[in-house]
Amino acid sequence: MVAEWVPSLEWQGYRGVIHGGIVSTVLDEAMAKSAAVFSSRGVTAELKVRFRRPVEPGQRLAIRAWAVEVSKRRILTEAVIIGADGPEYAHAWGTFLAPRAE
């Protein structure tokens, strides 16, 4: 999954810095989209985010997410937020669980 994101001023925590909860949410949603290829009703079971540099409002950023491993119900994913000039702003690892078969 690849997407573009330009965060707005409303999502600032400190002035000039997008709140880490918003950054985490964007990464979680990107990983959910990559997990949806394998289970349309999967839910986040675990989320880990490494913040590498501050995300600023108005920056044009790329979001990339992919599935790393798929088992019966568990889908391991990763996602990154990358700047136009190449640096990584945040990296996330997620575990998604598909519902039990009925």
PDB file of N, CA and C in Angstrom:
ATOM      1  N   MET A   1       0.842  -1.158   0.000  1.00  0.00           N
ATOM      2  CA  MET A   1       0.000   0.000   0.000  1.00  0.00           C
ATOM      3  C   MET A   1       0.894   1.229   0.000  1.00  0.00           C
ATOM      4  N   VAL A   2       0.614   2.174  -0.875  1.00  0.00           N
ATOM      5  CA  VAL A   2       1.356   3.426  -0.947  1.00  0.00           C
ATOM      6  C   VAL A   2       0.340   4.565  -0.992  1.00  0.00           C
ATOM      7  N   ALA A   3       0.602   5.603  -0.219  1.00  0.00           N
ATOM      8  CA  ALA A   3      -0.287   6.772  -0.201  1.00  0.00           C
ATOM      9  C   ALA A   3       0.534   8.025   0.047  1.00  0.00           C
ATOM     10  N   GLU A   4      -0.067   9.156  -0.252  1.00  0.00           N
ATOM     11  CA  GLU A   4       0.555  10.439   0.045  1.00  0.00           C
ATOM     12  C   GLU A   4      -0.207  11.071   1.202  1.00  0.00           C
ATOM     13  N   TRP A   5       0.509  11.799   2.068  1.00  0.00           N
ATOM     14  CA  TRP A   5      -0.120  12.461   3.210  1.00  0.00           C
ATOM     15  C   TRP A   5       0.501  13.832   3.392  1.00  0.00           C
ATOM     16  N   VAL A   6      -0.346  14.830   3.544  1.00  0.00           N
ATOM     17  CA  VAL A   6       0.093  16.179   3.868  1.00  0.00           C
ATOM     18  C   VAL A   6      -0.651  16.572   5.153  1.00  0.00           C
ATOM     19  N   PRO A   7      -0.008  16.421   6.318  1.00  0.00           N
ATOM     20  CA  PRO A   7      -0.690  16.709   7.585  1.00  0.00           C
ATOM     21  C   PRO A   7      -1.007  18.199   7.736  1.00  0.00           C
ATOM     22  N   SER A   8      -2.155  18.473   8.345  1.00  0.00           N
ATOM     23  CA  SER A   8      -2.594  19.859   8.493  1.00  0.00           C
ATOM     24  C   SER A   8      -2.290  20.405   9.894  1.00  0.00           C
ATOM     25  N   LEU A   9      -2.416  21.697  10.027  1.00  0.00           N
ATOM     26  CA  LEU A   9      -2.115  22.391  11.286  1.00  0.00           C
ATOM     27  C   LEU A   9      -2.948  21.879  12.463  1.00  0.00           C
ATOM     28  N   GLU A  10      -4.179  21.442  12.210  1.00  0.00           N
ATOM     29  CA  GLU A  10      -5.063  20.993  13.286  1.00  0.00           C
ATOM     30  C   GLU A  10      -4.504  19.792  14.043  1.00  0.00           C
ATOM     31  N   TRP A  11      -3.560  19.090  13.464  1.00  0.00           N
ATOM     32  CA  TRP A  11      -3.036  17.874  14.072  1.00  0.00           C
ATOM     33  C   TRP A  11      -1.741  18.102  14.840  1.00  0.00           C
ATOM     34  N   GLN A  12      -1.407  19.353  15.100  1.00  0.00           N
ATOM     35  CA  GLN A  12      -0.201  19.655  15.867  1.00  0.00           C
ATOM     36  C   GLN A  12      -0.390  19.261  17.325  1.00  0.00           C
ATOM     37  N   GLY A  13       0.686  18.748  17.941  1.00  0.00           N
ATOM     38  CA  GLY A  13       0.751  18.596  19.385  1.00  0.00           C
ATOM     39  C   GLY A  13       1.411  19.865  19.889  1.00  0.00           C
ATOM     40  N   TYR A  14       2.711  19.917  19.728  1.00  0.00           N
ATOM     41  CA  TYR A  14       3.453  21.162  19.942  1.00  0.00           C
ATOM     42  C   TYR A  14       3.427  21.957  18.649  1.00  0.00           C
ATOM     43  N   ARG A  15       3.624  23.250  18.747  1.00  0.00           N
ATOM     44  CA  ARG A  15       3.636  24.103  17.560  1.00  0.00           C
ATOM     45  C   ARG A  15       4.691  23.600  16.572  1.00  0.00           C
ATOM     46  N   GLY A  16       4.254  23.356  15.348  1.00  0.00           N
ATOM     47  CA  GLY A  16       5.161  22.924  14.296  1.00  0.00           C
ATOM     48  C   GLY A  16       5.454  21.435  14.266  1.00  0.00           C
ATOM     49  N   VAL A  17       4.796  20.665  15.155  1.00  0.00           N
ATOM     50  CA  VAL A  17       5.042  19.214  15.211  1.00  0.00           C
ATOM     51  C   VAL A  17       3.696  18.483  15.258  1.00  0.00           C
ATOM     52  N   ILE A  18       3.495  17.558  14.336  1.00  0.00           N
ATOM     53  CA  ILE A  18       2.267  16.753  14.334  1.00  0.00           C
ATOM     54  C   ILE A  18       2.293  15.807  15.529  1.00  0.00           C
ATOM     55  N   HIS A  19       1.163  15.706  16.213  1.00  0.00           N
ATOM     56  CA  HIS A  19       1.040  14.867  17.409  1.00  0.00           C
ATOM     57  C   HIS A  19       1.379  13.414  17.081  1.00  0.00           C
ATOM     58  N   GLY A  20       2.130  12.771  17.952  1.00  0.00           N
ATOM     59  CA  GLY A  20       2.537  11.381  17.752  1.00  0.00           C
ATOM     60  C   GLY A  20       1.365  10.422  17.646  1.00  0.00           C
ATOM     61  N   GLY A  21       0.260  10.734  18.295  1.00  0.00           N
ATOM     62  CA  GLY A  21      -0.934   9.887  18.196  1.00  0.00           C
ATOM     63  C   GLY A  21      -1.521   9.908  16.795  1.00  0.00           C
ATOM     64  N   ILE A  22      -1.441  11.046  16.140  1.00  0.00           N
ATOM     65  CA  ILE A  22      -1.917  11.151  14.759  1.00  0.00           C
ATOM     66  C   ILE A  22      -0.997  10.367  13.832  1.00  0.00           C
ATOM     67  N   VAL A  23       0.305  10.517  14.025  1.00  0.00           N
ATOM     68  CA  VAL A  23       1.281   9.768  13.223  1.00  0.00           C
ATOM     69  C   VAL A  23       1.040   8.259  13.402  1.00  0.00           C
ATOM     70  N   SER A  24       0.829   7.828  14.643  1.00  0.00           N
ATOM     71  CA  SER A  24       0.563   6.414  14.919  1.00  0.00           C
ATOM     72  C   SER A  24      -0.718   5.944  14.244  1.00  0.00           C
ATOM     73  N   THR A  25      -1.751   6.775  14.283  1.00  0.00           N
ATOM     74  CA  THR A  25      -3.026   6.421  13.654  1.00  0.00           C
ATOM     75  C   THR A  25      -2.875   6.255  12.148  1.00  0.00           C
ATOM     76  N   VAL A  26      -2.140   7.143  11.522  1.00  0.00           N
ATOM     77  CA  VAL A  26      -1.927   7.065  10.074  1.00  0.00           C
ATOM     78  C   VAL A  26      -1.188   5.767   9.727  1.00  0.00           C
ATOM     79  N   LEU A  27      -0.162   5.442  10.493  1.00  0.00           N
ATOM     80  CA  LEU A  27       0.587   4.200  10.253  1.00  0.00           C
ATOM     81  C   LEU A  27      -0.290   2.967  10.494  1.00  0.00           C
ATOM     82  N   ASP A  28      -1.097   2.998  11.560  1.00  0.00           N
ATOM     83  CA  ASP A  28      -1.999   1.882  11.864  1.00  0.00           C
ATOM     84  C   ASP A  28      -3.000   1.683  10.731  1.00  0.00           C
ATOM     85  N   GLU A  29      -3.554   2.765  10.232  1.00  0.00           N
ATOM     86  CA  GLU A  29      -4.525   2.667   9.140  1.00  0.00           C
ATOM     87  C   GLU A  29      -3.875   2.122   7.870  1.00  0.00           C
ATOM     88  N   ALA A  30      -2.667   2.554   7.577  1.00  0.00           N
ATOM     89  CA  ALA A  30      -1.959   2.042   6.397  1.00  0.00           C
ATOM     90  C   ALA A  30      -1.716   0.536   6.538  1.00  0.00           C
ATOM     91  N   MET A  31      -1.299   0.104   7.725  1.00  0.00           N
ATOM     92  CA  MET A  31      -1.070  -1.330   7.939  1.00  0.00           C
ATOM     93  C   MET A  31      -2.383  -2.108   7.866  1.00  0.00           C
ATOM     94  N   ALA A  32      -3.473  -1.508   8.347  1.00  0.00           N
ATOM     95  CA  ALA A  32      -4.786  -2.165   8.257  1.00  0.00           C
ATOM     96  C   ALA A  32      -5.178  -2.388   6.800  1.00  0.00           C
ATOM     97  N   LYS A  33      -4.857  -1.415   5.948  1.00  0.00           N
ATOM     98  CA  LYS A  33      -5.158  -1.573   4.518  1.00  0.00           C
ATOM     99  C   LYS A  33      -4.331  -2.708   3.911  1.00  0.00           C
ATOM    100  N   SER A  34      -3.077  -2.833   4.319  1.00  0.00           N
ATOM    101  CA  SER A  34      -2.260  -3.927   3.777  1.00  0.00           C
ATOM    102  C   SER A  34      -2.721  -5.274   4.334  1.00  0.00           C
ATOM    103  N   ALA A  35      -3.214  -5.297   5.568  1.00  0.00           N
ATOM    104  CA  ALA A  35      -3.735  -6.536   6.158  1.00  0.00           C
ATOM    105  C   ALA A  35      -5.075  -6.924   5.542  1.00  0.00           C
ATOM    106  N   ALA A  36      -5.837  -5.931   5.081  1.00  0.00           N
ATOM    107  CA  ALA A  36      -7.164  -6.188   4.520  1.00  0.00           C
ATOM    108  C   ALA A  36      -7.113  -7.041   3.254  1.00  0.00           C
ATOM    109  N   VAL A  37      -5.970  -7.091   2.622  1.00  0.00           N
ATOM    110  CA  VAL A  37      -5.811  -7.961   1.456  1.00  0.00           C
ATOM    111  C   VAL A  37      -6.042  -9.418   1.858  1.00  0.00           C
ATOM    112  N   PHE A  38      -5.713  -9.746   3.106  1.00  0.00           N
ATOM    113  CA  PHE A  38      -5.809 -11.119   3.600  1.00  0.00           C
ATOM    114  C   PHE A  38      -7.044 -11.346   4.468  1.00  0.00           C
ATOM    115  N   SER A  39      -7.560 -10.304   5.118  1.00  0.00           N
ATOM    116  CA  SER A  39      -8.757 -10.412   5.954  1.00  0.00           C
ATOM    117  C   SER A  39      -9.411  -9.043   6.037  1.00  0.00           C
ATOM    118  N   SER A  40     -10.580  -8.913   5.442  1.00  0.00           N
ATOM    119  CA  SER A  40     -11.241  -7.610   5.415  1.00  0.00           C
ATOM    120  C   SER A  40     -11.750  -7.175   6.784  1.00  0.00           C
ATOM    121  N   ARG A  41     -11.804  -8.093   7.754  1.00  0.00           N
ATOM    122  CA  ARG A  41     -12.308  -7.749   9.084  1.00  0.00           C
ATOM    123  C   ARG A  41     -11.243  -7.883  10.166  1.00  0.00           C
ATOM    124  N   GLY A  42      -9.975  -7.868   9.785  1.00  0.00           N
ATOM    125  CA  GLY A  42      -8.897  -7.965  10.773  1.00  0.00           C
ATOM    126  C   GLY A  42      -8.835  -6.729  11.650  1.00  0.00           C
ATOM    127  N   VAL A  43      -8.407  -6.912  12.884  1.00  0.00           N
ATOM    128  CA  VAL A  43      -8.291  -5.794  13.828  1.00  0.00           C
ATOM    129  C   VAL A  43      -6.869  -5.717  14.377  1.00  0.00           C
ATOM    130  N   THR A  44      -6.470  -4.523  14.791  1.00  0.00           N
ATOM    131  CA  THR A  44      -5.142  -4.332  15.350  1.00  0.00           C
ATOM    132  C   THR A  44      -5.053  -5.008  16.710  1.00  0.00           C
ATOM    133  N   ALA A  45      -4.078  -5.889  16.865  1.00  0.00           N
ATOM    134  CA  ALA A  45      -3.835  -6.547  18.150  1.00  0.00           C
ATOM    135  C   ALA A  45      -2.635  -5.926  18.856  1.00  0.00           C
ATOM    136  N   GLU A  46      -1.677  -5.445  18.087  1.00  0.00           N
ATOM    137  CA  GLU A  46      -0.470  -4.850  18.659  1.00  0.00           C
ATOM    138  C   GLU A  46       0.084  -3.821  17.674  1.00  0.00           C
ATOM    139  N   LEU A  47       0.594  -2.725  18.238  1.00  0.00           N
ATOM    140  CA  LEU A  47       1.152  -1.655  17.426  1.00  0.00           C
ATOM    141  C   LEU A  47       2.390  -1.102  18.119  1.00  0.00           C
ATOM    142  N   LYS A  48       3.488  -1.028  17.376  1.00  0.00           N
ATOM    143  CA  LYS A  48       4.725  -0.443  17.894  1.00  0.00           C
ATOM    144  C   LYS A  48       5.181   0.606  16.881  1.00  0.00           C
ATOM    145  N   VAL A  49       5.506   1.803  17.382  1.00  0.00           N
ATOM    146  CA  VAL A  49       5.931   2.889  16.499  1.00  0.00           C
ATOM    147  C   VAL A  49       7.266   3.435  16.982  1.00  0.00           C
ATOM    148  N   ARG A  50       8.183   3.600  16.058  1.00  0.00           N
ATOM    149  CA  ARG A  50       9.454   4.264  16.338  1.00  0.00           C
ATOM    150  C   ARG A  50       9.432   5.604  15.620  1.00  0.00           C
ATOM    151  N   PHE A  51       9.477   6.691  16.389  1.00  0.00           N
ATOM    152  CA  PHE A  51       9.487   8.042  15.830  1.00  0.00           C
ATOM    153  C   PHE A  51      10.940   8.422  15.580  1.00  0.00           C
ATOM    154  N   ARG A  52      11.270   8.717  14.341  1.00  0.00           N
ATOM    155  CA  ARG A  52      12.656   8.992  13.979  1.00  0.00           C
ATOM    156  C   ARG A  52      12.956  10.488  13.865  1.00  0.00           C
ATOM    157  N   ARG A  53      11.977  11.278  13.460  1.00  0.00           N
ATOM    158  CA  ARG A  53      12.132  12.738  13.391  1.00  0.00           C
ATOM    159  C   ARG A  53      10.745  13.363  13.405  1.00  0.00           C
ATOM    160  N   PRO A  54      10.636  14.627  13.802  1.00  0.00           N
ATOM    161  CA  PRO A  54       9.321  15.267  13.887  1.00  0.00           C
ATOM    162  C   PRO A  54       8.663  15.423  12.512  1.00  0.00           C
ATOM    163  N   VAL A  55       7.367  15.169  12.479  1.00  0.00           N
ATOM    164  CA  VAL A  55       6.558  15.408  11.286  1.00  0.00           C
ATOM    165  C   VAL A  55       5.975  16.811  11.427  1.00  0.00           C
ATOM    166  N   GLU A  56       6.132  17.620  10.388  1.00  0.00           N
ATOM    167  CA  GLU A  56       5.671  19.007  10.435  1.00  0.00           C
ATOM    168  C   GLU A  56       4.423  19.189   9.578  1.00  0.00           C
ATOM    169  N   PRO A  57       3.551  20.117   9.967  1.00  0.00           N
ATOM    170  CA  PRO A  57       2.366  20.404   9.144  1.00  0.00           C
ATOM    171  C   PRO A  57       2.780  20.879   7.755  1.00  0.00           C
ATOM    172  N   GLY A  58       2.002  20.460   6.751  1.00  0.00           N
ATOM    173  CA  GLY A  58       2.246  20.908   5.389  1.00  0.00           C
ATOM    174  C   GLY A  58       3.292  20.125   4.623  1.00  0.00           C
ATOM    175  N   GLN A  59       4.001  19.219   5.293  1.00  0.00           N
ATOM    176  CA  GLN A  59       5.003  18.399   4.591  1.00  0.00           C
ATOM    177  C   GLN A  59       4.305  17.427   3.651  1.00  0.00           C
ATOM    178  N   ARG A  60       4.868  17.212   2.493  1.00  0.00           N
ATOM    179  CA  ARG A  60       4.371  16.189   1.575  1.00  0.00           C
ATOM    180  C   ARG A  60       5.137  14.904   1.900  1.00  0.00           C
ATOM    181  N   LEU A  61       4.392  13.901   2.373  1.00  0.00           N
ATOM    182  CA  LEU A  61       5.004  12.655   2.843  1.00  0.00           C
ATOM    183  C   LEU A  61       4.434  11.454   2.098  1.00  0.00           C
ATOM    184  N   ALA A  62       5.224  10.404   2.019  1.00  0.00           N
ATOM    185  CA  ALA A  62       4.759   9.137   1.454  1.00  0.00           C
ATOM    186  C   ALA A  62       4.583   8.149   2.593  1.00  0.00           C
ATOM    187  N   ILE A  63       3.531   7.357   2.496  1.00  0.00           N
ATOM    188  CA  ILE A  63       3.272   6.288   3.460  1.00  0.00           C
ATOM    189  C   ILE A  63       3.317   4.982   2.692  1.00  0.00           C
ATOM    190  N   ARG A  64       4.086   4.043   3.210  1.00  0.00           N
ATOM    191  CA  ARG A  64       4.171   2.720   2.591  1.00  0.00           C
ATOM    192  C   ARG A  64       3.886   1.679   3.661  1.00  0.00           C
ATOM    193  N   ALA A  65       3.086   0.685   3.320  1.00  0.00           N
ATOM    194  CA  ALA A  65       2.754  -0.390   4.254  1.00  0.00           C
ATOM    195  C   ALA A  65       2.729  -1.708   3.499  1.00  0.00           C
ATOM    196  N   TRP A  66       3.078  -2.780   4.205  1.00  0.00           N
ATOM    197  CA  TRP A  66       3.128  -4.094   3.574  1.00  0.00           C
ATOM    198  C   TRP A  66       2.956  -5.184   4.630  1.00  0.00           C
ATOM    199  N   ALA A  67       2.499  -6.336   4.173  1.00  0.00           N
ATOM    200  CA  ALA A  67       2.394  -7.513   5.038  1.00  0.00           C
ATOM    201  C   ALA A  67       3.738  -8.228   5.019  1.00  0.00           C
ATOM    202  N   VAL A  68       4.179  -8.643   6.200  1.00  0.00           N
ATOM    203  CA  VAL A  68       5.465  -9.323   6.346  1.00  0.00           C
ATOM    204  C   VAL A  68       5.270 -10.832   6.434  1.00  0.00           C
ATOM    205  N   GLU A  69       4.235 -11.233   7.178  1.00  0.00           N
ATOM    206  CA  GLU A  69       3.982 -12.659   7.402  1.00  0.00           C
ATOM    207  C   GLU A  69       2.494 -12.862   7.634  1.00  0.00           C
ATOM    208  N   VAL A  70       1.956 -13.928   7.053  1.00  0.00           N
ATOM    209  CA  VAL A  70       0.538 -14.235   7.219  1.00  0.00           C
ATOM    210  C   VAL A  70       0.418 -15.675   7.680  1.00  0.00           C
ATOM    211  N   SER A  71      -0.286 -15.872   8.807  1.00  0.00           N
ATOM    212  CA  SER A  71      -0.581 -17.226   9.274  1.00  0.00           C
ATOM    213  C   SER A  71      -2.102 -17.379   9.302  1.00  0.00           C
ATOM    214  N   LYS A  72      -2.616 -18.354  10.017  1.00  0.00           N
ATOM    215  CA  LYS A  72      -4.057 -18.600  10.003  1.00  0.00           C
ATOM    216  C   LYS A  72      -4.868 -17.352  10.314  1.00  0.00           C
ATOM    217  N   ARG A  73      -4.634 -16.759  11.460  1.00  0.00           N
ATOM    218  CA  ARG A  73      -5.400 -15.574  11.867  1.00  0.00           C
ATOM    219  C   ARG A  73      -4.530 -14.343  12.044  1.00  0.00           C
ATOM    220  N   ARG A  74      -3.243 -14.502  12.051  1.00  0.00           N
ATOM    221  CA  ARG A  74      -2.330 -13.412  12.385  1.00  0.00           C
ATOM    222  C   ARG A  74      -1.649 -12.874  11.128  1.00  0.00           C
ATOM    223  N   ILE A  75      -1.658 -11.546  11.024  1.00  0.00           N
ATOM    224  CA  ILE A  75      -1.006 -10.871   9.903  1.00  0.00           C
ATOM    225  C   ILE A  75      -0.015  -9.869  10.485  1.00  0.00           C
ATOM    226  N   LEU A  76       1.273 -10.081  10.236  1.00  0.00           N
ATOM    227  CA  LEU A  76       2.307  -9.152  10.694  1.00  0.00           C
ATOM    228  C   LEU A  76       2.556  -8.141   9.582  1.00  0.00           C
ATOM    229  N   THR A  77       2.600  -6.869   9.955  1.00  0.00           N
ATOM    230  CA  THR A  77       2.738  -5.799   8.970  1.00  0.00           C
ATOM    231  C   THR A  77       3.807  -4.803   9.400  1.00  0.00           C
ATOM    232  N   GLU A  78       4.235  -3.982   8.461  1.00  0.00           N
ATOM    233  CA  GLU A  78       5.116  -2.848   8.736  1.00  0.00           C
ATOM    234  C   GLU A  78       4.658  -1.672   7.896  1.00  0.00           C
ATOM    235  N   ALA A  79       5.003  -0.470   8.352  1.00  0.00           N
ATOM    236  CA  ALA A  79       4.698   0.734   7.598  1.00  0.00           C
ATOM    237  C   ALA A  79       5.740   1.798   7.911  1.00  0.00           C
ATOM    238  N   VAL A  80       5.945   2.699   6.963  1.00  0.00           N
ATOM    239  CA  VAL A  80       6.875   3.811   7.149  1.00  0.00           C
ATOM    240  C   VAL A  80       6.246   5.094   6.620  1.00  0.00           C
ATOM    241  N   ILE A  81       6.669   6.205   7.205  1.00  0.00           N
ATOM    242  CA  ILE A  81       6.379   7.523   6.666  1.00  0.00           C
ATOM    243  C   ILE A  81       7.714   8.082   6.210  1.00  0.00           C
ATOM    244  N   ILE A  82       7.767   8.462   4.935  1.00  0.00           N
ATOM    245  CA  ILE A  82       9.022   8.902   4.324  1.00  0.00           C
ATOM    246  C   ILE A  82       8.819  10.295   3.726  1.00  0.00           C
ATOM    247  N   GLY A  83       9.809  11.159   3.904  1.00  0.00           N
ATOM    248  CA  GLY A  83       9.778  12.494   3.331  1.00  0.00           C
ATOM    249  C   GLY A  83      10.113  12.485   1.863  1.00  0.00           C
ATOM    250  N   ALA A  84       9.790  13.577   1.190  1.00  0.00           N
ATOM    251  CA  ALA A  84      10.048  13.704  -0.252  1.00  0.00           C
ATOM    252  C   ALA A  84      11.527  13.560  -0.578  1.00  0.00           C
ATOM    253  N   ASP A  85      12.386  13.994   0.331  1.00  0.00           N
ATOM    254  CA  ASP A  85      13.825  13.910   0.089  1.00  0.00           C
ATOM    255  C   ASP A  85      14.436  12.613   0.618  1.00  0.00           C
ATOM    256  N   GLY A  86      13.582  11.658   1.052  1.00  0.00           N
ATOM    257  CA  GLY A  86      14.066  10.335   1.402  1.00  0.00           C
ATOM    258  C   GLY A  86      14.164   9.937   2.855  1.00  0.00           C
ATOM    259  N   PRO A  87      14.202  10.855   3.836  1.00  0.00           N
ATOM    260  CA  PRO A  87      14.383  10.404   5.215  1.00  0.00           C
ATOM    261  C   PRO A  87      13.132   9.726   5.766  1.00  0.00           C
ATOM    262  N   GLU A  88      13.343   8.809   6.683  1.00  0.00           N
ATOM    263  CA  GLU A  88      12.244   8.118   7.348  1.00  0.00           C
ATOM    264  C   GLU A  88      11.848   8.911   8.594  1.00  0.00           C
ATOM    265  N   TYR A  89      10.578   9.256   8.695  1.00  0.00           N
ATOM    266  CA  TYR A  89      10.066  10.016   9.832  1.00  0.00           C
ATOM    267  C   TYR A  89       9.538   9.109  10.934  1.00  0.00           C
ATOM    268  N   ALA A  90       8.942   7.979  10.557  1.00  0.00           N
ATOM    269  CA  ALA A  90       8.421   7.034  11.540  1.00  0.00           C
ATOM    270  C   ALA A  90       8.340   5.658  10.895  1.00  0.00           C
ATOM    271  N   HIS A  91       8.477   4.643  11.734  1.00  0.00           N
ATOM    272  CA  HIS A  91       8.407   3.248  11.285  1.00  0.00           C
ATOM    273  C   HIS A  91       7.503   2.523  12.271  1.00  0.00           C
ATOM    274  N   ALA A  92       6.616   1.678  11.761  1.00  0.00           N
ATOM    275  CA  ALA A  92       5.682   0.964  12.638  1.00  0.00           C
ATOM    276  C   ALA A  92       5.665  -0.516  12.310  1.00  0.00           C
ATOM    277  N   TRP A  93       5.356  -1.293  13.334  1.00  0.00           N
ATOM    278  CA  TRP A  93       5.174  -2.736  13.233  1.00  0.00           C
ATOM    279  C   TRP A  93       3.826  -3.048  13.843  1.00  0.00           C
ATOM    280  N   GLY A  94       3.032  -3.852  13.159  1.00  0.00           N
ATOM    281  CA  GLY A  94       1.702  -4.157  13.674  1.00  0.00           C
ATOM    282  C   GLY A  94       1.360  -5.627  13.526  1.00  0.00           C
ATOM    283  N   THR A  95       0.533  -6.091  14.456  1.00  0.00           N
ATOM    284  CA  THR A  95      -0.031  -7.434  14.384  1.00  0.00           C
ATOM    285  C   THR A  95      -1.538  -7.275  14.273  1.00  0.00           C
ATOM    286  N   PHE A  96      -2.105  -7.883  13.243  1.00  0.00           N
ATOM    287  CA  PHE A  96      -3.554  -7.842  13.025  1.00  0.00           C
ATOM    288  C   PHE A  96      -4.095  -9.254  13.159  1.00  0.00           C
ATOM    289  N   LEU A  97      -5.292  -9.364  13.739  1.00  0.00           N
ATOM    290  CA  LEU A  97      -5.937 -10.656  13.894  1.00  0.00           C
ATOM    291  C   LEU A  97      -7.228 -10.688  13.083  1.00  0.00           C
ATOM    292  N   ALA A  98      -7.387 -11.762  12.316  1.00  0.00           N
ATOM    293  CA  ALA A  98      -8.624 -11.989  11.584  1.00  0.00           C
ATOM    294  C   ALA A  98      -9.608 -12.655  12.526  1.00  0.00           C
ATOM    295  N   PRO A  99     -10.907 -12.454  12.336  1.00  0.00           N
ATOM    296  CA  PRO A  99     -11.884 -13.106  13.224  1.00  0.00           C
ATOM    297  C   PRO A  99     -11.828 -14.620  13.058  1.00  0.00           C
ATOM    298  N   ARG A 100     -12.228 -15.291  14.110  1.00  0.00           N
ATOM    299  CA  ARG A 100     -12.303 -16.765  14.041  1.00  0.00           C
ATOM    300  C   ARG A 100     -13.372 -17.183  13.031  1.00  0.00           C
ATOM    301  N   ALA A 101     -13.111 -18.259  12.326  1.00  0.00           N
ATOM    302  CA  ALA A 101     -14.088 -18.783  11.372  1.00  0.00           C
ATOM    303  C   ALA A 101     -15.303 -19.286  12.144  1.00  0.00           C
ATOM    304  N   GLU A 102     -16.478 -19.023  11.602  1.00  0.00           N
ATOM    305  CA  GLU A 102     -17.708 -19.466  12.277  1.00  0.00           C
ATOM    306  C   GLU A 102     -18.162 -20.803  11.754  1.00  0.00           C
TER     307      GLU A 102
END
